[in-house]
């Protein structure tokens, strides 16, 4: 398991018999805009599974650049992320373990 949030792993264990071990590692990262610049913008689906960082990623994306994206799947967009998606034209379409947002193109 991994996350960019230091307290994330503590929230994953509700059974005291499991003792989580946490290690810090250094890794190379790529910002959202850098990723878009490298791979382009022609996506019709975006899936975000960022272990507690979904809202931050949703808010970091300039959705106007992804004009072909009609479907987004994420675990938890948060309140601000949901507002960001609404402003970008997305509406909640389906919910189970994940949330699916759809927009007409």
PDB file of N, CA and C in Angstrom:
ATOM      1  N   UNK A   1       0.851  -1.174   0.000  1.00  0.00           N
ATOM      2  CA  UNK A   1       0.000   0.000   0.000  1.00  0.00           C
ATOM      3  C   UNK A   1       0.887   1.224   0.000  1.00  0.00           C
ATOM      4  N   UNK A   2       0.393   2.259  -0.641  1.00  0.00           N
ATOM      5  CA  UNK A   2       1.190   3.473  -0.676  1.00  0.00           C
ATOM      6  C   UNK A   2       0.281   4.692  -0.760  1.00  0.00           C
ATOM      7  N   UNK A   3       0.823   5.810  -0.326  1.00  0.00           N
ATOM      8  CA  UNK A   3       0.095   7.068  -0.378  1.00  0.00           C
ATOM      9  C   UNK A   3       1.076   8.209  -0.206  1.00  0.00           C
ATOM     10  N   UNK A   4       0.673   9.370  -0.650  1.00  0.00           N
ATOM     11  CA  UNK A   4       1.461  10.573  -0.409  1.00  0.00           C
ATOM     12  C   UNK A   4       1.076  11.226   0.915  1.00  0.00           C
ATOM     13  N   UNK A   5       0.008  10.745   1.542  1.00  0.00           N
ATOM     14  CA  UNK A   5      -0.427  11.278   2.830  1.00  0.00           C
ATOM     15  C   UNK A   5       0.181  10.446   3.963  1.00  0.00           C
ATOM     16  N   UNK A   6       0.920  11.066   4.864  1.00  0.00           N
ATOM     17  CA  UNK A   6       1.598  10.316   5.930  1.00  0.00           C
ATOM     18  C   UNK A   6       0.659   9.523   6.841  1.00  0.00           C
ATOM     19  N   UNK A   7      -0.555   9.994   7.084  1.00  0.00           N
ATOM     20  CA  UNK A   7      -1.455   9.309   8.008  1.00  0.00           C
ATOM     21  C   UNK A   7      -2.379   8.309   7.319  1.00  0.00           C
ATOM     22  N   UNK A   8      -2.244   8.118   6.015  1.00  0.00           N
ATOM     23  CA  UNK A   8      -3.151   7.259   5.259  1.00  0.00           C
ATOM     24  C   UNK A   8      -3.101   5.812   5.739  1.00  0.00           C
ATOM     25  N   UNK A   9      -1.904   5.270   5.946  1.00  0.00           N
ATOM     26  CA  UNK A   9      -1.781   3.853   6.297  1.00  0.00           C
ATOM     27  C   UNK A   9      -2.438   3.552   7.634  1.00  0.00           C
ATOM     28  N   UNK A  10      -2.386   4.492   8.578  1.00  0.00           N
ATOM     29  CA  UNK A  10      -3.001   4.277   9.884  1.00  0.00           C
ATOM     30  C   UNK A  10      -4.504   4.067   9.756  1.00  0.00           C
ATOM     31  N   UNK A  11      -5.125   4.680   8.784  1.00  0.00           N
ATOM     32  CA  UNK A  11      -6.565   4.580   8.588  1.00  0.00           C
ATOM     33  C   UNK A  11      -6.973   3.274   7.908  1.00  0.00           C
ATOM     34  N   UNK A  12      -6.013   2.516   7.390  1.00  0.00           N
ATOM     35  CA  UNK A  12      -6.316   1.287   6.660  1.00  0.00           C
ATOM     36  C   UNK A  12      -6.463   0.083   7.571  1.00  0.00           C
ATOM     37  N   UNK A  13      -5.997   0.174   8.802  1.00  0.00           N
ATOM     38  CA  UNK A  13      -6.017  -0.950   9.723  1.00  0.00           C
ATOM     39  C   UNK A  13      -6.935  -0.641  10.894  1.00  0.00           C
ATOM     40  N   UNK A  14      -8.039  -1.376  10.982  1.00  0.00           N
ATOM     41  CA  UNK A  14      -8.947  -1.180  12.101  1.00  0.00           C
ATOM     42  C   UNK A  14      -8.848  -2.330  13.114  1.00  0.00           C
ATOM     43  N   UNK A  15      -8.020  -3.296  12.801  1.00  0.00           N
ATOM     44  CA  UNK A  15      -7.831  -4.441  13.685  1.00  0.00           C
ATOM     45  C   UNK A  15      -6.475  -4.293  14.362  1.00  0.00           C
ATOM     46  N   UNK A  16      -6.471  -4.292  15.688  1.00  0.00           N
ATOM     47  CA  UNK A  16      -5.223  -4.070  16.417  1.00  0.00           C
ATOM     48  C   UNK A  16      -4.206  -5.188  16.223  1.00  0.00           C
ATOM     49  N   UNK A  17      -4.636  -6.342  15.711  1.00  0.00           N
ATOM     50  CA  UNK A  17      -3.699  -7.443  15.509  1.00  0.00           C
ATOM     51  C   UNK A  17      -2.788  -7.199  14.305  1.00  0.00           C
ATOM     52  N   UNK A  18      -3.128  -6.233  13.465  1.00  0.00           N
ATOM     53  CA  UNK A  18      -2.285  -5.889  12.323  1.00  0.00           C
ATOM     54  C   UNK A  18      -1.477  -4.644  12.676  1.00  0.00           C
ATOM     55  N   UNK A  19      -0.212  -4.773  12.704  1.00  0.00           N
ATOM     56  CA  UNK A  19       0.677  -3.661  13.006  1.00  0.00           C
ATOM     57  C   UNK A  19       1.265  -3.145  11.693  1.00  0.00           C
ATOM     58  N   UNK A  20       0.815  -2.010  11.223  1.00  0.00           N
ATOM     59  CA  UNK A  20       1.360  -1.510   9.946  1.00  0.00           C
ATOM     60  C   UNK A  20       2.800  -1.031  10.103  1.00  0.00           C
ATOM     61  N   UNK A  21       3.593  -1.368   9.135  1.00  0.00           N
ATOM     62  CA  UNK A  21       4.950  -0.856   9.063  1.00  0.00           C
ATOM     63  C   UNK A  21       4.972   0.204   7.982  1.00  0.00           C
ATOM     64  N   UNK A  22       5.532   1.315   8.292  1.00  0.00           N
ATOM     65  CA  UNK A  22       5.530   2.418   7.341  1.00  0.00           C
ATOM     66  C   UNK A  22       6.961   2.822   7.030  1.00  0.00           C
ATOM     67  N   UNK A  23       7.237   2.894   5.740  1.00  0.00           N
ATOM     68  CA  UNK A  23       8.551   3.289   5.278  1.00  0.00           C
ATOM     69  C   UNK A  23       8.400   4.477   4.347  1.00  0.00           C
ATOM     70  N   UNK A  24       9.333   5.382   4.430  1.00  0.00           N
ATOM     71  CA  UNK A  24       9.348   6.501   3.513  1.00  0.00           C
ATOM     72  C   UNK A  24      10.350   6.192   2.400  1.00  0.00           C
ATOM     73  N   UNK A  25       9.908   6.368   1.166  1.00  0.00           N
ATOM     74  CA  UNK A  25      10.808   6.182   0.037  1.00  0.00           C
ATOM     75  C   UNK A  25      10.781   7.438  -0.822  1.00  0.00           C
ATOM     76  N   UNK A  26      11.847   7.671  -1.494  1.00  0.00           N
ATOM     77  CA  UNK A  26      11.912   8.785  -2.436  1.00  0.00           C
ATOM     78  C   UNK A  26      11.674   8.240  -3.830  1.00  0.00           C
ATOM     79  N   UNK A  27      10.888   8.952  -4.601  1.00  0.00           N
ATOM     80  CA  UNK A  27      10.585   8.511  -5.951  1.00  0.00           C
ATOM     81  C   UNK A  27      10.420   9.723  -6.850  1.00  0.00           C
ATOM     82  N   UNK A  28      10.516   9.501  -8.129  1.00  0.00           N
ATOM     83  CA  UNK A  28      10.285  10.573  -9.082  1.00  0.00           C
ATOM     84  C   UNK A  28       8.778  10.732  -9.275  1.00  0.00           C
ATOM     85  N   UNK A  29       8.342  11.939  -9.361  1.00  0.00           N
ATOM     86  CA  UNK A  29       6.926  12.194  -9.603  1.00  0.00           C
ATOM     87  C   UNK A  29       6.769  13.041 -10.851  1.00  0.00           C
ATOM     88  N   UNK A  30       5.566  13.067 -11.344  1.00  0.00           N
ATOM     89  CA  UNK A  30       5.238  13.824 -12.537  1.00  0.00           C
ATOM     90  C   UNK A  30       3.947  14.575 -12.238  1.00  0.00           C
ATOM     91  N   UNK A  31       3.950  15.874 -12.411  1.00  0.00           N
ATOM     92  CA  UNK A  31       2.747  16.662 -12.190  1.00  0.00           C
ATOM     93  C   UNK A  31       1.706  16.383 -13.267  1.00  0.00           C
ATOM     94  N   UNK A  32       0.456  16.719 -12.954  1.00  0.00           N
ATOM     95  CA  UNK A  32      -0.639  16.469 -13.891  1.00  0.00           C
ATOM     96  C   UNK A  32      -0.385  17.156 -15.225  1.00  0.00           C
ATOM     97  N   UNK A  33       0.009  18.424 -15.194  1.00  0.00           N
ATOM     98  CA  UNK A  33       0.237  19.138 -16.450  1.00  0.00           C
ATOM     99  C   UNK A  33       1.405  18.535 -17.223  1.00  0.00           C
ATOM    100  N   UNK A  34       2.445  18.096 -16.521  1.00  0.00           N
ATOM    101  CA  UNK A  34       3.570  17.433 -17.189  1.00  0.00           C
ATOM    102  C   UNK A  34       3.109  16.149 -17.872  1.00  0.00           C
ATOM    103  N   UNK A  35       2.246  15.397 -17.197  1.00  0.00           N
ATOM    104  CA  UNK A  35       1.698  14.170 -17.786  1.00  0.00           C
ATOM    105  C   UNK A  35       0.898  14.486 -19.042  1.00  0.00           C
ATOM    106  N   UNK A  36       0.023  15.476 -18.953  1.00  0.00           N
ATOM    107  CA  UNK A  36      -0.773  15.877 -20.116  1.00  0.00           C
ATOM    108  C   UNK A  36       0.130  16.325 -21.259  1.00  0.00           C
ATOM    109  N   UNK A  37       1.170  17.072 -20.942  1.00  0.00           N
ATOM    110  CA  UNK A  37       2.108  17.535 -21.979  1.00  0.00           C
ATOM    111  C   UNK A  37       2.816  16.360 -22.659  1.00  0.00           C
ATOM    112  N   UNK A  38       3.069  15.285 -21.923  1.00  0.00           N
ATOM    113  CA  UNK A  38       3.772  14.120 -22.477  1.00  0.00           C
ATOM    114  C   UNK A  38       2.873  13.183 -23.263  1.00  0.00           C
ATOM    115  N   UNK A  39       1.641  12.962 -22.771  1.00  0.00           N
ATOM    116  CA  UNK A  39       0.798  11.947 -23.402  1.00  0.00           C
ATOM    117  C   UNK A  39      -0.367  12.520 -24.204  1.00  0.00           C
ATOM    118  N   UNK A  40      -0.604  13.805 -24.091  1.00  0.00           N
ATOM    119  CA  UNK A  40      -1.680  14.412 -24.856  1.00  0.00           C
ATOM    120  C   UNK A  40      -2.968  14.534 -24.062  1.00  0.00           C
ATOM    121  N   UNK A  41      -4.023  14.915 -24.756  1.00  0.00           N
ATOM    122  CA  UNK A  41      -5.293  15.217 -24.090  1.00  0.00           C
ATOM    123  C   UNK A  41      -6.478  14.428 -24.640  1.00  0.00           C
ATOM    124  N   UNK A  42      -6.239  13.492 -25.535  1.00  0.00           N
ATOM    125  CA  UNK A  42      -7.333  12.795 -26.198  1.00  0.00           C
ATOM    126  C   UNK A  42      -7.782  11.575 -25.394  1.00  0.00           C
ATOM    127  N   UNK A  43      -8.446  11.828 -24.261  1.00  0.00           N
ATOM    128  CA  UNK A  43      -8.975  10.773 -23.410  1.00  0.00           C
ATOM    129  C   UNK A  43     -10.489  10.889 -23.364  1.00  0.00           C
ATOM    130  N   UNK A  44     -11.190   9.759 -23.405  1.00  0.00           N
ATOM    131  CA  UNK A  44     -12.640   9.804 -23.177  1.00  0.00           C
ATOM    132  C   UNK A  44     -12.977   9.294 -21.781  1.00  0.00           C
ATOM    133  N   UNK A  45     -12.005   8.681 -21.093  1.00  0.00           N
ATOM    134  CA  UNK A  45     -12.185   8.181 -19.737  1.00  0.00           C
ATOM    135  C   UNK A  45     -10.954   8.529 -18.915  1.00  0.00           C
ATOM    136  N   UNK A  46     -11.180   9.029 -17.697  1.00  0.00           N
ATOM    137  CA  UNK A  46     -10.099   9.250 -16.748  1.00  0.00           C
ATOM    138  C   UNK A  46     -10.459   8.482 -15.475  1.00  0.00           C
ATOM    139  N   UNK A  47      -9.516   7.669 -14.988  1.00  0.00           N
ATOM    140  CA  UNK A  47      -9.703   6.920 -13.748  1.00  0.00           C
ATOM    141  C   UNK A  47      -8.670   7.434 -12.749  1.00  0.00           C
ATOM    142  N   UNK A  48      -9.162   7.860 -11.595  1.00  0.00           N
ATOM    143  CA  UNK A  48      -8.283   8.357 -10.541  1.00  0.00           C
ATOM    144  C   UNK A  48      -8.427   7.434  -9.338  1.00  0.00           C
ATOM    145  N   UNK A  49      -7.328   6.814  -8.950  1.00  0.00           N
ATOM    146  CA  UNK A  49      -7.269   5.970  -7.759  1.00  0.00           C
ATOM    147  C   UNK A  49      -5.976   6.347  -7.059  1.00  0.00           C
ATOM    148  N   UNK A  50      -6.046   7.386  -6.254  1.00  0.00           N
ATOM    149  CA  UNK A  50      -4.832   7.994  -5.715  1.00  0.00           C
ATOM    150  C   UNK A  50      -4.730   7.881  -4.200  1.00  0.00           C
ATOM    151  N   UNK A  51      -5.390   6.881  -3.619  1.00  0.00           N
ATOM    152  CA  UNK A  51      -5.278   6.588  -2.189  1.00  0.00           C
ATOM    153  C   UNK A  51      -5.356   7.838  -1.316  1.00  0.00           C
ATOM    154  N   UNK A  52      -6.502   8.479  -1.365  1.00  0.00           N
ATOM    155  CA  UNK A  52      -6.745   9.634  -0.511  1.00  0.00           C
ATOM    156  C   UNK A  52      -6.389  10.971  -1.125  1.00  0.00           C
ATOM    157  N   UNK A  53      -5.864  10.959  -2.330  1.00  0.00           N
ATOM    158  CA  UNK A  53      -5.459  12.208  -2.986  1.00  0.00           C
ATOM    159  C   UNK A  53      -6.351  12.525  -4.189  1.00  0.00           C
ATOM    160  N   UNK A  54      -7.484  11.848  -4.313  1.00  0.00           N
ATOM    161  CA  UNK A  54      -8.372  12.055  -5.462  1.00  0.00           C
ATOM    162  C   UNK A  54      -8.773  13.514  -5.613  1.00  0.00           C
ATOM    163  N   UNK A  55      -9.213  14.120  -4.516  1.00  0.00           N
ATOM    164  CA  UNK A  55      -9.675  15.503  -4.582  1.00  0.00           C
ATOM    165  C   UNK A  55      -8.571  16.440  -5.059  1.00  0.00           C
ATOM    166  N   UNK A  56      -7.366  16.247  -4.549  1.00  0.00           N
ATOM    167  CA  UNK A  56      -6.244  17.093  -4.953  1.00  0.00           C
ATOM    168  C   UNK A  56      -5.958  16.949  -6.449  1.00  0.00           C
ATOM    169  N   UNK A  57      -6.014  15.708  -6.957  1.00  0.00           N
ATOM    170  CA  UNK A  57      -5.774  15.491  -8.385  1.00  0.00           C
ATOM    171  C   UNK A  57      -6.885  16.090  -9.242  1.00  0.00           C
ATOM    172  N   UNK A  58      -8.129  15.891  -8.830  1.00  0.00           N
ATOM    173  CA  UNK A  58      -9.257  16.457  -9.581  1.00  0.00           C
ATOM    174  C   UNK A  58      -9.104  17.958  -9.700  1.00  0.00           C
ATOM    175  N   UNK A  59      -8.696  18.593  -8.614  1.00  0.00           N
ATOM    176  CA  UNK A  59      -8.544  20.047  -8.634  1.00  0.00           C
ATOM    177  C   UNK A  59      -7.294  20.509  -9.374  1.00  0.00           C
ATOM    178  N   UNK A  60      -6.343  19.616  -9.591  1.00  0.00           N
ATOM    179  CA  UNK A  60      -5.114  19.973 -10.301  1.00  0.00           C
ATOM    180  C   UNK A  60      -5.264  19.871 -11.818  1.00  0.00           C
ATOM    181  N   UNK A  61      -6.343  19.243 -12.271  1.00  0.00           N
ATOM    182  CA  UNK A  61      -6.537  19.037 -13.711  1.00  0.00           C
ATOM    183  C   UNK A  61      -7.318  20.202 -14.303  1.00  0.00           C
ATOM    184  N   UNK A  62      -6.812  20.719 -15.396  1.00  0.00           N
ATOM    185  CA  UNK A  62      -7.560  21.717 -16.170  1.00  0.00           C
ATOM    186  C   UNK A  62      -8.466  20.929 -17.109  1.00  0.00           C
ATOM    187  N   UNK A  63      -9.701  20.724 -16.687  1.00  0.00           N
ATOM    188  CA  UNK A  63     -10.635  19.866 -17.422  1.00  0.00           C
ATOM    189  C   UNK A  63     -10.969  20.400 -18.792  1.00  0.00           C
ATOM    190  N   UNK A  64     -10.771  21.697 -19.031  1.00  0.00           N
ATOM    191  CA  UNK A  64     -11.026  22.248 -20.371  1.00  0.00           C
ATOM    192  C   UNK A  64     -10.031  21.686 -21.385  1.00  0.00           C
ATOM    193  N   UNK A  65      -8.872  21.232 -20.921  1.00  0.00           N
ATOM    194  CA  UNK A  65      -7.892  20.612 -21.820  1.00  0.00           C
ATOM    195  C   UNK A  65      -8.337  19.216 -22.261  1.00  0.00           C
ATOM    196  N   UNK A  66      -9.152  18.579 -21.452  1.00  0.00           N
ATOM    197  CA  UNK A  66      -9.602  17.215 -21.748  1.00  0.00           C
ATOM    198  C   UNK A  66     -11.019  17.269 -22.301  1.00  0.00           C
ATOM    199  N   UNK A  67     -11.163  17.939 -23.410  1.00  0.00           N
ATOM    200  CA  UNK A  67     -12.493  18.197 -23.971  1.00  0.00           C
ATOM    201  C   UNK A  67     -13.184  16.926 -24.476  1.00  0.00           C
ATOM    202  N   UNK A  68     -12.443  15.844 -24.734  1.00  0.00           N
ATOM    203  CA  UNK A  68     -13.046  14.585 -25.175  1.00  0.00           C
ATOM    204  C   UNK A  68     -13.409  13.668 -24.015  1.00  0.00           C
ATOM    205  N   UNK A  69     -13.045  14.037 -22.803  1.00  0.00           N
ATOM    206  CA  UNK A  69     -13.314  13.189 -21.639  1.00  0.00           C
ATOM    207  C   UNK A  69     -14.786  13.289 -21.265  1.00  0.00           C
ATOM    208  N   UNK A  70     -15.484  12.162 -21.393  1.00  0.00           N
ATOM    209  CA  UNK A  70     -16.906  12.148 -21.059  1.00  0.00           C
ATOM    210  C   UNK A  70     -17.210  11.334 -19.807  1.00  0.00           C
ATOM    211  N   UNK A  71     -16.217  10.617 -19.265  1.00  0.00           N
ATOM    212  CA  UNK A  71     -16.455   9.779 -18.093  1.00  0.00           C
ATOM    213  C   UNK A  71     -15.255   9.833 -17.164  1.00  0.00           C
ATOM    214  N   UNK A  72     -15.543   9.979 -15.878  1.00  0.00           N
ATOM    215  CA  UNK A  72     -14.509   9.982 -14.848  1.00  0.00           C
ATOM    216  C   UNK A  72     -14.912   8.991 -13.773  1.00  0.00           C
ATOM    217  N   UNK A  73     -13.962   8.176 -13.341  1.00  0.00           N
ATOM    218  CA  UNK A  73     -14.175   7.226 -12.256  1.00  0.00           C
ATOM    219  C   UNK A  73     -13.170   7.574 -11.158  1.00  0.00           C
ATOM    220  N   UNK A  74     -13.654   7.696  -9.907  1.00  0.00           N
ATOM    221  CA  UNK A  74     -12.757   7.958  -8.786  1.00  0.00           C
ATOM    222  C   UNK A  74     -13.353   7.368  -7.522  1.00  0.00           C
ATOM    223  N   UNK A  75     -12.524   7.289  -6.485  1.00  0.00           N
ATOM    224  CA  UNK A  75     -12.984   6.739  -5.206  1.00  0.00           C
ATOM    225  C   UNK A  75     -13.699   7.789  -4.369  1.00  0.00           C
ATOM    226  N   UNK A  76     -13.075   8.952  -4.211  1.00  0.00           N
ATOM    227  CA  UNK A  76     -13.649   9.991  -3.363  1.00  0.00           C
ATOM    228  C   UNK A  76     -13.217  11.361  -3.861  1.00  0.00           C
ATOM    229  N   UNK A  77     -14.105  12.045  -4.591  1.00  0.00           N
ATOM    230  CA  UNK A  77     -13.739  13.355  -5.116  1.00  0.00           C
ATOM    231  C   UNK A  77     -13.755  14.459  -4.065  1.00  0.00           C
ATOM    232  N   UNK A  78     -14.334  14.196  -2.901  1.00  0.00           N
ATOM    233  CA  UNK A  78     -14.443  15.223  -1.871  1.00  0.00           C
ATOM    234  C   UNK A  78     -15.425  16.311  -2.286  1.00  0.00           C
ATOM    235  N   UNK A  79     -15.705  17.210  -1.389  1.00  0.00           N
ATOM    236  CA  UNK A  79     -16.679  18.279  -1.658  1.00  0.00           C
ATOM    237  C   UNK A  79     -16.160  19.262  -2.713  1.00  0.00           C
ATOM    238  N   UNK A  80     -14.922  19.703  -2.552  1.00  0.00           N
ATOM    239  CA  UNK A  80     -14.361  20.671  -3.498  1.00  0.00           C
ATOM    240  C   UNK A  80     -14.172  20.031  -4.867  1.00  0.00           C
ATOM    241  N   UNK A  81     -13.696  18.779  -4.883  1.00  0.00           N
ATOM    242  CA  UNK A  81     -13.525  18.068  -6.143  1.00  0.00           C
ATOM    243  C   UNK A  81     -14.847  17.867  -6.868  1.00  0.00           C
ATOM    244  N   UNK A  82     -15.908  17.582  -6.115  1.00  0.00           N
ATOM    245  CA  UNK A  82     -17.235  17.442  -6.722  1.00  0.00           C
ATOM    246  C   UNK A  82     -17.683  18.751  -7.351  1.00  0.00           C
ATOM    247  N   UNK A  83     -17.403  19.859  -6.691  1.00  0.00           N
ATOM    248  CA  UNK A  83     -17.726  21.180  -7.255  1.00  0.00           C
ATOM    249  C   UNK A  83     -16.928  21.447  -8.524  1.00  0.00           C
ATOM    250  N   UNK A  84     -15.663  21.084  -8.495  1.00  0.00           N
ATOM    251  CA  UNK A  84     -14.808  21.251  -9.669  1.00  0.00           C
ATOM    252  C   UNK A  84     -15.365  20.459 -10.846  1.00  0.00           C
ATOM    253  N   UNK A  85     -15.771  19.217 -10.588  1.00  0.00           N
ATOM    254  CA  UNK A  85     -16.329  18.389 -11.655  1.00  0.00           C
ATOM    255  C   UNK A  85     -17.642  18.962 -12.173  1.00  0.00           C
ATOM    256  N   UNK A  86     -18.474  19.448 -11.284  1.00  0.00           N
ATOM    257  CA  UNK A  86     -19.746  20.058 -11.687  1.00  0.00           C
ATOM    258  C   UNK A  86     -19.482  21.262 -12.591  1.00  0.00           C
ATOM    259  N   UNK A  87     -18.532  22.101 -12.211  1.00  0.00           N
ATOM    260  CA  UNK A  87     -18.172  23.269 -13.020  1.00  0.00           C
ATOM    261  C   UNK A  87     -17.642  22.855 -14.390  1.00  0.00           C
ATOM    262  N   UNK A  88     -17.013  21.682 -14.466  1.00  0.00           N
ATOM    263  CA  UNK A  88     -16.466  21.188 -15.732  1.00  0.00           C
ATOM    264  C   UNK A  88     -17.530  20.468 -16.562  1.00  0.00           C
ATOM    265  N   UNK A  89     -18.764  20.379 -16.039  1.00  0.00           N
ATOM    266  CA  UNK A  89     -19.852  19.774 -16.793  1.00  0.00           C
ATOM    267  C   UNK A  89     -20.159  18.332 -16.455  1.00  0.00           C
ATOM    268  N   UNK A  90     -19.515  17.792 -15.433  1.00  0.00           N
ATOM    269  CA  UNK A  90     -19.739  16.403 -15.041  1.00  0.00           C
ATOM    270  C   UNK A  90     -20.887  16.306 -14.032  1.00  0.00           C
ATOM    271  N   UNK A  91     -21.688  15.264 -14.159  1.00  0.00           N
ATOM    272  CA  UNK A  91     -22.740  14.947 -13.200  1.00  0.00           C
ATOM    273  C   UNK A  91     -22.536  13.527 -12.708  1.00  0.00           C
ATOM    274  N   UNK A  92     -22.867  13.294 -11.438  1.00  0.00           N
ATOM    275  CA  UNK A  92     -22.773  11.944 -10.892  1.00  0.00           C
ATOM    276  C   UNK A  92     -23.701  11.038 -11.682  1.00  0.00           C
ATOM    277  N   UNK A  93     -23.146   9.956 -12.201  1.00  0.00           N
ATOM    278  CA  UNK A  93     -23.879   9.050 -13.080  1.00  0.00           C
ATOM    279  C   UNK A  93     -24.207   7.734 -12.382  1.00  0.00           C
ATOM    280  N   UNK A  94     -23.244   7.211 -11.619  1.00  0.00           N
ATOM    281  CA  UNK A  94     -23.417   5.913 -10.966  1.00  0.00           C
ATOM    282  C   UNK A  94     -22.486   5.867  -9.761  1.00  0.00           C
ATOM    283  N   UNK A  95     -22.916   5.119  -8.749  1.00  0.00           N
ATOM    284  CA  UNK A  95     -22.088   4.983  -7.560  1.00  0.00           C
ATOM    285  C   UNK A  95     -22.173   3.567  -7.035  1.00  0.00           C
ATOM    286  N   UNK A  96     -21.022   2.955  -6.823  1.00  0.00           N
ATOM    287  CA  UNK A  96     -20.916   1.700  -6.080  1.00  0.00           C
ATOM    288  C   UNK A  96     -19.717   1.883  -5.163  1.00  0.00           C
ATOM    289  N   UNK A  97     -18.685   1.098  -5.279  1.00  0.00           N
ATOM    290  CA  UNK A  97     -17.467   1.352  -4.511  1.00  0.00           C
ATOM    291  C   UNK A  97     -16.829   2.654  -5.003  1.00  0.00           C
ATOM    292  N   UNK A  98     -16.881   2.872  -6.298  1.00  0.00           N
ATOM    293  CA  UNK A  98     -16.370   4.091  -6.910  1.00  0.00           C
ATOM    294  C   UNK A  98     -17.525   4.989  -7.333  1.00  0.00           C
ATOM    295  N   UNK A  99     -17.184   6.211  -7.664  1.00  0.00           N
ATOM    296  CA  UNK A  99     -18.166   7.155  -8.189  1.00  0.00           C
ATOM    297  C   UNK A  99     -17.839   7.393  -9.653  1.00  0.00           C
ATOM    298  N   UNK A 100     -18.874   7.446 -10.471  1.00  0.00           N
ATOM    299  CA  UNK A 100     -18.726   7.654 -11.907  1.00  0.00           C
ATOM    300  C   UNK A 100     -19.442   8.945 -12.271  1.00  0.00           C
ATOM    301  N   UNK A 101     -18.697   9.829 -12.905  1.00  0.00           N
ATOM    302  CA  UNK A 101     -19.237  11.100 -13.347  1.00  0.00           C
ATOM    303  C   UNK A 101     -19.229  11.127 -14.871  1.00  0.00           C
ATOM    304  N   UNK A 102     -20.283  11.646 -15.423  1.00  0.00           N
ATOM    305  CA  UNK A 102     -20.445  11.661 -16.876  1.00  0.00           C
ATOM    306  C   UNK A 102     -20.751  13.085 -17.329  1.00  0.00           C
ATOM    307  N   UNK A 103     -20.237  13.436 -18.513  1.00  0.00           N
ATOM    308  CA  UNK A 103     -20.621  14.718 -19.109  1.00  0.00           C
ATOM    309  C   UNK A 103     -20.861  14.519 -20.582  1.00  0.00           C
ATOM    310  N   UNK A 104     -21.791  15.289 -21.082  1.00  0.00           N
ATOM    311  CA  UNK A 104     -22.096  15.269 -22.508  1.00  0.00           C
ATOM    312  C   UNK A 104     -21.045  16.085 -23.247  1.00  0.00           C
ATOM    313  N   UNK A 105     -20.626  15.577 -24.385  1.00  0.00           N
ATOM    314  CA  UNK A 105     -19.617  16.288 -25.188  1.00  0.00           C
ATOM    315  C   UNK A 105     -20.275  16.837 -26.431  1.00  0.00           C
TER     316      UNK A 105
END
